[in-house]
Amino acid sequence: MKKLINIRRLKASILMLVVGPKSDKPIPKLARNIPFLILVVGVFGLNNSLAQNTTVADTDFKLPPLEAIILMAEEHSPLLKQQDEQIKRADQQLAVQKKQWMTGLSLSGNYSAGNQSLLVQQATGELEAFSNFNNGYRLAVGAIFSINSLLTQGSITKIAKHDKKAAIEARNISLDELKANVIAKYYAVIASQEVLKISIDVKTASQVNKKMAEKEFSEGQISVADMAKVIEATAGAALSYENAKQNFYMNVRLLEVLIGKRLL
């Protein structure tokens, strides 16, 4: 109701400026619409001026799709990169542990060759050589296993597998947290941008109202108290606009930190 009264007051004040003081002559229909047209043009002009001060990027800025933002954040995340290296380390550690049992294995070998024979004297007095099974080449191979290595090998391998699985799960947890944070900041940027647009409209309207109130005050149509209220409302709208702009930029910058790229 107050807004409707204020609009009527604004129209009446502008009408006074256009057609002059009240007279007995009827006011043409076009003249009656002039105050509204002037008000609309004034608001539009102030809004354009304010938008230029805010910069076009503030109100016309558009975010990339959410899926693209999440992918950028995943590729940039230093934490995920660190955990990827931990997974690789755990994988190499598992490969080493699977061969750990070989550290308790000892091999030995022996190789020899000879020409041993038996000399037998015959009745005739002649010596005759007979072959011996020891003649020829000999090869011996032996293996020694560590019982402790054989008994603990299964447990050591399982520990290495669990370490790798824990590294993978830690990365999945970090990825879920990163996605949640990105989604929250993404929609915070969208919401803060809408709030900024609204604050621009409110500030523009308050400036128009202030100009009209100054005109009425100079003509003695409103009191000092009413003028003070208008000034207070205008200052409040300006403060809300500054807070909205600050919040918008803060949300954009926080999202940029997550993805490692400039958006605005």
C-alpha atoms as a PDB file:
ATOM      1  CA  MET A   1       0.000   0.000   0.000  1.00  0.00           C
ATOM      2  CA  LYS A   2       2.853   2.407   0.872  1.00  0.00           C
ATOM      3  CA  LYS A   3       4.528   1.685  -2.460  1.00  0.00           C
ATOM      4  CA  LEU A   4       1.265   2.421  -4.285  1.00  0.00           C
ATOM      5  CA  ILE A   5       0.875   5.708  -2.415  1.00  0.00           C
ATOM      6  CA  ASN A   6       4.492   6.649  -3.174  1.00  0.00           C
ATOM      7  CA  ILE A   7       3.986   5.945  -6.888  1.00  0.00           C
ATOM      8  CA  ARG A   8       0.845   8.078  -6.896  1.00  0.00           C
ATOM      9  CA  ARG A   9       2.728  10.856  -5.121  1.00  0.00           C
ATOM     10  CA  LEU A  10       5.528  10.609  -7.688  1.00  0.00           C
ATOM     11  CA  LYS A  11       3.051  10.749 -10.562  1.00  0.00           C
ATOM     12  CA  ALA A  12       1.250  13.709  -8.993  1.00  0.00           C
ATOM     13  CA  SER A  13       4.499  15.558  -8.450  1.00  0.00           C
ATOM     14  CA  ILE A  14       5.671  14.984 -11.995  1.00  0.00           C
ATOM     15  CA  LEU A  15       2.227  15.974 -13.277  1.00  0.00           C
ATOM     16  CA  MET A  16       2.527  19.267 -11.393  1.00  0.00           C
ATOM     17  CA  LEU A  17       5.863  19.848 -13.122  1.00  0.00           C
ATOM     18  CA  VAL A  18       4.397  19.058 -16.535  1.00  0.00           C
ATOM     19  CA  VAL A  19       0.981  20.788 -16.518  1.00  0.00           C
ATOM     20  CA  GLY A  20       1.518  23.325 -13.761  1.00  0.00           C
ATOM     21  CA  PRO A  21      -0.743  24.092 -10.750  1.00  0.00           C
ATOM     22  CA  LYS A  22      -4.262  22.729 -10.541  1.00  0.00           C
ATOM     23  CA  SER A  23      -6.828  24.399 -12.738  1.00  0.00           C
ATOM     24  CA  ASP A  24     -10.505  23.984 -13.538  1.00  0.00           C
ATOM     25  CA  LYS A  25      -9.688  22.702 -17.005  1.00  0.00           C
ATOM     26  CA  PRO A  26      -9.688  18.923 -17.460  1.00  0.00           C
ATOM     27  CA  ILE A  27      -6.284  17.372 -17.902  1.00  0.00           C
ATOM     28  CA  PRO A  28      -5.838  15.530 -21.207  1.00  0.00           C
ATOM     29  CA  LYS A  29      -5.487  11.756 -21.025  1.00  0.00           C
ATOM     30  CA  LEU A  30      -2.026  11.883 -22.615  1.00  0.00           C
ATOM     31  CA  ALA A  31      -0.906  14.410 -20.026  1.00  0.00           C
ATOM     32  CA  ARG A  32      -2.152  12.137 -17.255  1.00  0.00           C
ATOM     33  CA  ASN A  33       0.100   9.371 -18.585  1.00  0.00           C
ATOM     34  CA  ILE A  34       3.141  11.619 -18.928  1.00  0.00           C
ATOM     35  CA  PRO A  35       4.184  11.279 -15.242  1.00  0.00           C
ATOM     36  CA  PHE A  36       4.202   7.506 -15.530  1.00  0.00           C
ATOM     37  CA  LEU A  37       6.160   7.645 -18.775  1.00  0.00           C
ATOM     38  CA  ILE A  38       8.699  10.021 -17.259  1.00  0.00           C
ATOM     39  CA  LEU A  39       9.017   7.769 -14.201  1.00  0.00           C
ATOM     40  CA  VAL A  40       9.621   4.684 -16.341  1.00  0.00           C
ATOM     41  CA  VAL A  41      12.172   6.485 -18.495  1.00  0.00           C
ATOM     42  CA  GLY A  42      13.897   7.826 -15.390  1.00  0.00           C
ATOM     43  CA  VAL A  43      14.097   4.424 -13.756  1.00  0.00           C
ATOM     44  CA  PHE A  44      15.355   2.849 -16.968  1.00  0.00           C
ATOM     45  CA  GLY A  45      17.999   5.522 -17.385  1.00  0.00           C
ATOM     46  CA  LEU A  46      19.219   5.251 -13.806  1.00  0.00           C
ATOM     47  CA  ASN A  47      19.253   1.499 -14.015  1.00  0.00           C
ATOM     48  CA  ASN A  48      21.405   1.611 -17.138  1.00  0.00           C
ATOM     49  CA  SER A  49      23.775   4.072 -15.484  1.00  0.00           C
ATOM     50  CA  LEU A  50      24.033   1.908 -12.385  1.00  0.00           C
ATOM     51  CA  ALA A  51      24.590  -1.208 -14.466  1.00  0.00           C
ATOM     52  CA  GLN A  52      27.450   0.525 -16.248  1.00  0.00           C
ATOM     53  CA  ASN A  53      29.022   1.361 -12.903  1.00  0.00           C
ATOM     54  CA  THR A  54      28.572  -2.240 -11.795  1.00  0.00           C
ATOM     55  CA  THR A  55      30.004  -3.493 -15.140  1.00  0.00           C
ATOM     56  CA  VAL A  56      28.164  -5.721 -17.528  1.00  0.00           C
ATOM     57  CA  ALA A  57      30.051  -8.772 -16.287  1.00  0.00           C
ATOM     58  CA  ASP A  58      28.306  -8.571 -12.920  1.00  0.00           C
ATOM     59  CA  THR A  59      24.791  -9.032 -14.283  1.00  0.00           C
ATOM     60  CA  ASP A  60      25.354 -10.768 -17.644  1.00  0.00           C
ATOM     61  CA  PHE A  61      27.963 -13.246 -16.412  1.00  0.00           C
ATOM     62  CA  LYS A  62      27.057 -16.870 -17.178  1.00  0.00           C
ATOM     63  CA  LEU A  63      28.626 -19.937 -15.607  1.00  0.00           C
ATOM     64  CA  PRO A  64      29.683 -22.974 -17.651  1.00  0.00           C
ATOM     65  CA  PRO A  65      27.600 -26.148 -17.111  1.00  0.00           C
ATOM     66  CA  LEU A  66      27.920 -27.728 -13.681  1.00  0.00           C
ATOM     67  CA  GLU A  67      29.399 -30.947 -15.098  1.00  0.00           C
ATOM     68  CA  ALA A  68      32.175 -28.980 -16.792  1.00  0.00           C
ATOM     69  CA  ILE A  69      32.936 -27.092 -13.567  1.00  0.00           C
ATOM     70  CA  ILE A  70      33.160 -30.355 -11.596  1.00  0.00           C
ATOM     71  CA  LEU A  71      35.538 -31.835 -14.191  1.00  0.00           C
ATOM     72  CA  MET A  72      37.745 -28.713 -14.010  1.00  0.00           C
ATOM     73  CA  ALA A  73      37.872 -28.991 -10.222  1.00  0.00           C
ATOM     74  CA  GLU A  74      38.750 -32.684 -10.358  1.00  0.00           C
ATOM     75  CA  GLU A  75      41.582 -32.076 -12.828  1.00  0.00           C
ATOM     76  CA  HIS A  76      42.939 -29.161 -10.784  1.00  0.00           C
ATOM     77  CA  SER A  77      42.644 -30.555  -7.245  1.00  0.00           C
ATOM     78  CA  PRO A  78      46.130 -30.874  -5.639  1.00  0.00           C
ATOM     79  CA  LEU A  79      44.683 -33.267  -3.038  1.00  0.00           C
ATOM     80  CA  LEU A  80      43.416 -35.687  -5.676  1.00  0.00           C
ATOM     81  CA  LYS A  81      46.755 -35.528  -7.470  1.00  0.00           C
ATOM     82  CA  GLN A  82      48.539 -36.384  -4.226  1.00  0.00           C
ATOM     83  CA  GLN A  83      46.198 -39.302  -3.580  1.00  0.00           C
ATOM     84  CA  ASP A  84      46.710 -40.584  -7.121  1.00  0.00           C
ATOM     85  CA  GLU A  85      50.425 -40.803  -6.365  1.00  0.00           C
ATOM     86  CA  GLN A  86      49.660 -42.629  -3.103  1.00  0.00           C
ATOM     87  CA  ILE A  87      47.603 -45.184  -5.039  1.00  0.00           C
ATOM     88  CA  LYS A  88      50.512 -45.732  -7.448  1.00  0.00           C
ATOM     89  CA  ARG A  89      52.863 -46.157  -4.492  1.00  0.00           C
ATOM     90  CA  ALA A  90      50.517 -48.685  -2.864  1.00  0.00           C
ATOM     91  CA  ASP A  91      50.299 -50.592  -6.138  1.00  0.00           C
ATOM     92  CA  GLN A  92      54.089 -50.818  -6.396  1.00  0.00           C
ATOM     93  CA  GLN A  93      54.309 -51.825  -2.756  1.00  0.00           C
ATOM     94  CA  LEU A  94      51.850 -54.648  -3.389  1.00  0.00           C
ATOM     95  CA  ALA A  95      53.944 -55.934  -6.286  1.00  0.00           C
ATOM     96  CA  VAL A  96      57.030 -55.941  -4.059  1.00  0.00           C
ATOM     97  CA  GLN A  97      55.261 -57.737  -1.224  1.00  0.00           C
ATOM     98  CA  LYS A  98      54.045 -60.496  -3.552  1.00  0.00           C
ATOM     99  CA  LYS A  99      57.715 -61.369  -4.234  1.00  0.00           C
ATOM    100  CA  GLN A 100      58.845 -60.918  -0.653  1.00  0.00           C
ATOM    101  CA  TRP A 101      58.948 -64.672  -0.060  1.00  0.00           C
ATOM    102  CA  MET A 102      61.909 -64.933  -2.422  1.00  0.00           C
ATOM    103  CA  THR A 103      64.126 -63.137   0.087  1.00  0.00           C
ATOM    104  CA  GLY A 104      64.136 -66.313   2.190  1.00  0.00           C
ATOM    105  CA  LEU A 105      65.152 -68.533  -0.708  1.00  0.00           C
ATOM    106  CA  SER A 106      68.766 -69.656  -1.038  1.00  0.00           C
ATOM    107  CA  LEU A 107      70.074 -71.691  -3.980  1.00  0.00           C
ATOM    108  CA  SER A 108      73.379 -73.579  -4.192  1.00  0.00           C
ATOM    109  CA  GLY A 109      75.038 -75.672  -6.899  1.00  0.00           C
ATOM    110  CA  ASN A 110      78.137 -77.769  -7.454  1.00  0.00           C
ATOM    111  CA  TYR A 111      79.743 -78.888 -10.651  1.00  0.00           C
ATOM    112  CA  SER A 112      82.738 -81.205 -11.100  1.00  0.00           C
ATOM    113  CA  ALA A 113      84.333 -83.467 -13.664  1.00  0.00           C
ATOM    114  CA  GLY A 114      86.817 -86.310 -13.321  1.00  0.00           C
ATOM    115  CA  ASN A 115      88.418 -89.377 -14.906  1.00  0.00           C
ATOM    116  CA  GLN A 116      88.629 -91.977 -12.213  1.00  0.00           C
ATOM    117  CA  SER A 117      89.234 -95.621 -13.156  1.00  0.00           C
ATOM    118  CA  LEU A 118      90.162 -98.908 -11.495  1.00  0.00           C
ATOM    119  CA  LEU A 119      93.421-100.564 -12.417  1.00  0.00           C
ATOM    120  CA  VAL A 120      93.330-104.339 -12.121  1.00  0.00           C
ATOM    121  CA  GLN A 121      96.412-106.534 -12.610  1.00  0.00           C
ATOM    122  CA  GLN A 122      95.677-109.608 -14.607  1.00  0.00           C
ATOM    123  CA  ALA A 123      97.222-113.001 -14.060  1.00  0.00           C
ATOM    124  CA  THR A 124      99.481-112.336 -16.935  1.00  0.00           C
ATOM    125  CA  GLY A 125     100.866-109.384 -15.080  1.00  0.00           C
ATOM    126  CA  GLU A 126      99.245-106.788 -17.315  1.00  0.00           C
ATOM    127  CA  LEU A 127      97.291-103.823 -15.869  1.00  0.00           C
ATOM    128  CA  GLU A 128      93.813-103.270 -17.226  1.00  0.00           C
ATOM    129  CA  ALA A 129      91.684-100.158 -16.580  1.00  0.00           C
ATOM    130  CA  PHE A 130      87.980-100.597 -15.755  1.00  0.00           C
ATOM    131  CA  SER A 131      85.443 -97.740 -15.951  1.00  0.00           C
ATOM    132  CA  ASN A 132      84.022 -96.380 -12.677  1.00  0.00           C
ATOM    133  CA  PHE A 133      80.554 -94.907 -12.147  1.00  0.00           C
ATOM    134  CA  ASN A 134      82.290 -91.811 -10.725  1.00  0.00           C
ATOM    135  CA  ASN A 135      83.809 -91.052 -14.083  1.00  0.00           C
ATOM    136  CA  GLY A 136      82.374 -88.071 -16.054  1.00  0.00           C
ATOM    137  CA  TYR A 137      80.649 -84.799 -15.000  1.00  0.00           C
ATOM    138  CA  ARG A 138      78.775 -84.139 -11.778  1.00  0.00           C
ATOM    139  CA  LEU A 139      76.210 -81.347 -11.012  1.00  0.00           C
ATOM    140  CA  ALA A 140      74.519 -80.696  -7.679  1.00  0.00           C
ATOM    141  CA  VAL A 141      71.720 -78.116  -6.978  1.00  0.00           C
ATOM    142  CA  GLY A 142      70.219 -77.247  -3.588  1.00  0.00           C
ATOM    143  CA  ALA A 143      67.520 -74.850  -2.308  1.00  0.00           C
ATOM    144  CA  ILE A 144      66.944 -73.465   1.176  1.00  0.00           C
ATOM    145  CA  PHE A 145      63.622 -71.819   2.143  1.00  0.00           C
ATOM    146  CA  SER A 146      62.898 -69.547   5.087  1.00  0.00           C
ATOM    147  CA  ILE A 147      59.991 -71.036   6.997  1.00  0.00           C
ATOM    148  CA  ASN A 148      59.149 -67.649   8.504  1.00  0.00           C
ATOM    149  CA  SER A 149      58.868 -66.050   5.049  1.00  0.00           C
ATOM    150  CA  LEU A 150      56.572 -68.809   3.840  1.00  0.00           C
ATOM    151  CA  LEU A 151      54.308 -68.533   6.892  1.00  0.00           C
ATOM    152  CA  THR A 152      53.997 -64.727   6.856  1.00  0.00           C
ATOM    153  CA  GLN A 153      53.891 -64.161   3.085  1.00  0.00           C
ATOM    154  CA  GLY A 154      50.085 -64.394   2.872  1.00  0.00           C
ATOM    155  CA  SER A 155      49.515 -61.852   5.639  1.00  0.00           C
ATOM    156  CA  ILE A 156      52.057 -59.410   4.217  1.00  0.00           C
ATOM    157  CA  THR A 157      50.372 -59.538   0.801  1.00  0.00           C
ATOM    158  CA  LYS A 158      46.934 -58.971   2.344  1.00  0.00           C
ATOM    159  CA  ILE A 159      48.210 -55.907   4.235  1.00  0.00           C
ATOM    160  CA  ALA A 160      49.566 -54.456   1.006  1.00  0.00           C
ATOM    161  CA  LYS A 161      46.208 -55.059  -0.717  1.00  0.00           C
ATOM    162  CA  HIS A 162      44.352 -53.344   2.139  1.00  0.00           C
ATOM    163  CA  ASP A 163      46.737 -50.363   1.951  1.00  0.00           C
ATOM    164  CA  LYS A 164      45.991 -49.959  -1.748  1.00  0.00           C
ATOM    165  CA  LYS A 165      42.243 -50.253  -1.168  1.00  0.00           C
ATOM    166  CA  ALA A 166      42.422 -47.679   1.634  1.00  0.00           C
ATOM    167  CA  ALA A 167      44.260 -45.261  -0.686  1.00  0.00           C
ATOM    168  CA  ILE A 168      41.563 -45.683  -3.348  1.00  0.00           C
ATOM    169  CA  GLU A 169      38.747 -45.132  -0.847  1.00  0.00           C
ATOM    170  CA  ALA A 170      40.472 -42.037   0.541  1.00  0.00           C
ATOM    171  CA  ARG A 171      40.541 -40.592  -2.969  1.00  0.00           C
ATOM    172  CA  ASN A 172      36.853 -41.386  -3.477  1.00  0.00           C
ATOM    173  CA  ILE A 173      35.990 -39.602  -0.229  1.00  0.00           C
ATOM    174  CA  SER A 174      38.014 -36.555  -1.256  1.00  0.00           C
ATOM    175  CA  LEU A 175      36.345 -36.546  -4.681  1.00  0.00           C
ATOM    176  CA  ASP A 176      32.856 -36.626  -3.136  1.00  0.00           C
ATOM    177  CA  GLU A 177      33.750 -33.767  -0.794  1.00  0.00           C
ATOM    178  CA  LEU A 178      35.174 -31.769  -3.706  1.00  0.00           C
ATOM    179  CA  LYS A 179      32.007 -32.305  -5.763  1.00  0.00           C
ATOM    180  CA  ALA A 180      29.805 -31.226  -2.854  1.00  0.00           C
ATOM    181  CA  ASN A 181      31.873 -28.088  -2.331  1.00  0.00           C
ATOM    182  CA  VAL A 182      31.824 -27.220  -6.035  1.00  0.00           C
ATOM    183  CA  ILE A 183      28.043 -27.712  -6.261  1.00  0.00           C
ATOM    184  CA  ALA A 184      27.489 -25.490  -3.223  1.00  0.00           C
ATOM    185  CA  LYS A 185      29.700 -22.714  -4.609  1.00  0.00           C
ATOM    186  CA  TYR A 186      28.202 -23.063  -8.088  1.00  0.00           C
ATOM    187  CA  TYR A 187      24.666 -22.368  -6.905  1.00  0.00           C
ATOM    188  CA  ALA A 188      25.913 -19.734  -4.460  1.00  0.00           C
ATOM    189  CA  VAL A 189      27.264 -17.800  -7.448  1.00  0.00           C
ATOM    190  CA  ILE A 190      23.924 -18.070  -9.256  1.00  0.00           C
ATOM    191  CA  ALA A 191      21.945 -16.988  -6.186  1.00  0.00           C
ATOM    192  CA  SER A 192      24.253 -14.090  -5.335  1.00  0.00           C
ATOM    193  CA  GLN A 193      24.056 -12.868  -8.927  1.00  0.00           C
ATOM    194  CA  GLU A 194      20.247 -12.768  -8.730  1.00  0.00           C
ATOM    195  CA  VAL A 195      20.444 -10.929  -5.420  1.00  0.00           C
ATOM    196  CA  LEU A 196      22.799  -8.423  -7.055  1.00  0.00           C
ATOM    197  CA  LYS A 197      20.307  -7.800  -9.865  1.00  0.00           C
ATOM    198  CA  ILE A 198      17.523  -7.211  -7.333  1.00  0.00           C
ATOM    199  CA  SER A 199      19.706  -4.863  -5.281  1.00  0.00           C
ATOM    200  CA  ILE A 200      20.419  -2.829  -8.433  1.00  0.00           C
ATOM    201  CA  ASP A 201      16.681  -2.406  -9.040  1.00  0.00           C
ATOM    202  CA  VAL A 202      16.070  -1.462  -5.405  1.00  0.00           C
ATOM    203  CA  LYS A 203      18.907   1.057  -5.415  1.00  0.00           C
ATOM    204  CA  THR A 204      17.657   2.558  -8.683  1.00  0.00           C
ATOM    205  CA  ALA A 205      14.142   2.930  -7.326  1.00  0.00           C
ATOM    206  CA  SER A 206      15.442   4.503  -4.126  1.00  0.00           C
ATOM    207  CA  GLN A 207      17.432   7.059  -6.127  1.00  0.00           C
ATOM    208  CA  VAL A 208      14.335   8.004  -8.134  1.00  0.00           C
ATOM    209  CA  ASN A 209      12.327   8.327  -4.933  1.00  0.00           C
ATOM    210  CA  LYS A 210      15.049  10.475  -3.389  1.00  0.00           C
ATOM    211  CA  LYS A 211      15.090  12.876  -6.343  1.00  0.00           C
ATOM    212  CA  MET A 212      11.325  13.285  -6.194  1.00  0.00           C
ATOM    213  CA  ALA A 213      11.430  13.751  -2.428  1.00  0.00           C
ATOM    214  CA  GLU A 214      14.089  16.449  -2.792  1.00  0.00           C
ATOM    215  CA  LYS A 215      11.818  18.262  -5.248  1.00  0.00           C
ATOM    216  CA  GLU A 216       8.834  18.017  -2.910  1.00  0.00           C
ATOM    217  CA  PHE A 217      10.960  19.064   0.058  1.00  0.00           C
ATOM    218  CA  SER A 218      12.198  22.142  -1.779  1.00  0.00           C
ATOM    219  CA  GLU A 219       8.564  23.071  -2.454  1.00  0.00           C
ATOM    220  CA  GLY A 220       7.599  22.476   1.170  1.00  0.00           C
ATOM    221  CA  GLN A 221       5.325  19.543   0.399  1.00  0.00           C
ATOM    222  CA  ILE A 222       7.040  17.090   2.788  1.00  0.00           C
ATOM    223  CA  SER A 223       8.551  17.542   6.219  1.00  0.00           C
ATOM    224  CA  VAL A 224      12.148  17.220   7.326  1.00  0.00           C
ATOM    225  CA  ALA A 225      11.303  13.920   9.037  1.00  0.00           C
ATOM    226  CA  ASP A 226       9.899  12.481   5.800  1.00  0.00           C
ATOM    227  CA  MET A 227      12.963  13.634   3.880  1.00  0.00           C
ATOM    228  CA  ALA A 228      15.223  12.023   6.470  1.00  0.00           C
ATOM    229  CA  LYS A 229      13.384   8.724   6.042  1.00  0.00           C
ATOM    230  CA  VAL A 230      13.867   8.884   2.283  1.00  0.00           C
ATOM    231  CA  ILE A 231      17.600   9.556   2.707  1.00  0.00           C
ATOM    232  CA  GLU A 232      17.872   6.686   5.176  1.00  0.00           C
ATOM    233  CA  ALA A 233      16.089   4.318   2.785  1.00  0.00           C
ATOM    234  CA  THR A 234      18.360   5.378  -0.078  1.00  0.00           C
ATOM    235  CA  ALA A 235      21.464   4.777   2.033  1.00  0.00           C
ATOM    236  CA  GLY A 236      20.140   1.360   3.066  1.00  0.00           C
ATOM    237  CA  ALA A 237      19.558   0.407  -0.560  1.00  0.00           C
ATOM    238  CA  ALA A 238      23.080   1.522  -1.481  1.00  0.00           C
ATOM    239  CA  LEU A 239      24.549  -0.514   1.377  1.00  0.00           C
ATOM    240  CA  SER A 240      22.552  -3.586   0.357  1.00  0.00           C
ATOM    241  CA  TYR A 241      23.843  -3.202  -3.182  1.00  0.00           C
ATOM    242  CA  GLU A 242      27.473  -3.042  -2.041  1.00  0.00           C
ATOM    243  CA  ASN A 243      27.011  -6.117   0.160  1.00  0.00           C
ATOM    244  CA  ALA A 244      25.358  -8.009  -2.693  1.00  0.00           C
ATOM    245  CA  LYS A 245      28.184  -7.118  -5.080  1.00  0.00           C
ATOM    246  CA  GLN A 246      30.821  -8.155  -2.556  1.00  0.00           C
ATOM    247  CA  ASN A 247      29.063 -11.471  -1.900  1.00  0.00           C
ATOM    248  CA  PHE A 248      28.779 -12.161  -5.616  1.00  0.00           C
ATOM    249  CA  TYR A 249      32.470 -11.561  -6.277  1.00  0.00           C
ATOM    250  CA  MET A 250      33.478 -13.596  -3.238  1.00  0.00           C
ATOM    251  CA  ASN A 251      31.479 -16.632  -4.402  1.00  0.00           C
ATOM    252  CA  VAL A 252      32.934 -16.353  -7.908  1.00  0.00           C
ATOM    253  CA  ARG A 253      36.502 -16.154  -6.594  1.00  0.00           C
ATOM    254  CA  LEU A 254      35.986 -19.137  -4.260  1.00  0.00           C
ATOM    255  CA  LEU A 255      34.726 -21.208  -7.171  1.00  0.00           C
ATOM    256  CA  GLU A 256      37.736 -20.121  -9.216  1.00  0.00           C
ATOM    257  CA  VAL A 257      40.052 -21.399  -6.482  1.00  0.00           C
ATOM    258  CA  LEU A 258      38.414 -24.835  -6.716  1.00  0.00           C
ATOM    259  CA  ILE A 259      38.740 -25.124 -10.503  1.00  0.00           C
ATOM    260  CA  GLY A 260      42.048 -23.280 -10.920  1.00  0.00           C
ATOM    261  CA  LYS A 261      40.707 -20.995 -13.683  1.00  0.00           C
ATOM    262  CA  ARG A 262      39.336 -17.464 -13.933  1.00  0.00           C
ATOM    263  CA  LEU A 263      35.615 -17.182 -14.613  1.00  0.00           C
ATOM    264  CA  LEU A 264      35.066 -13.435 -14.346  1.00  0.00           C
END
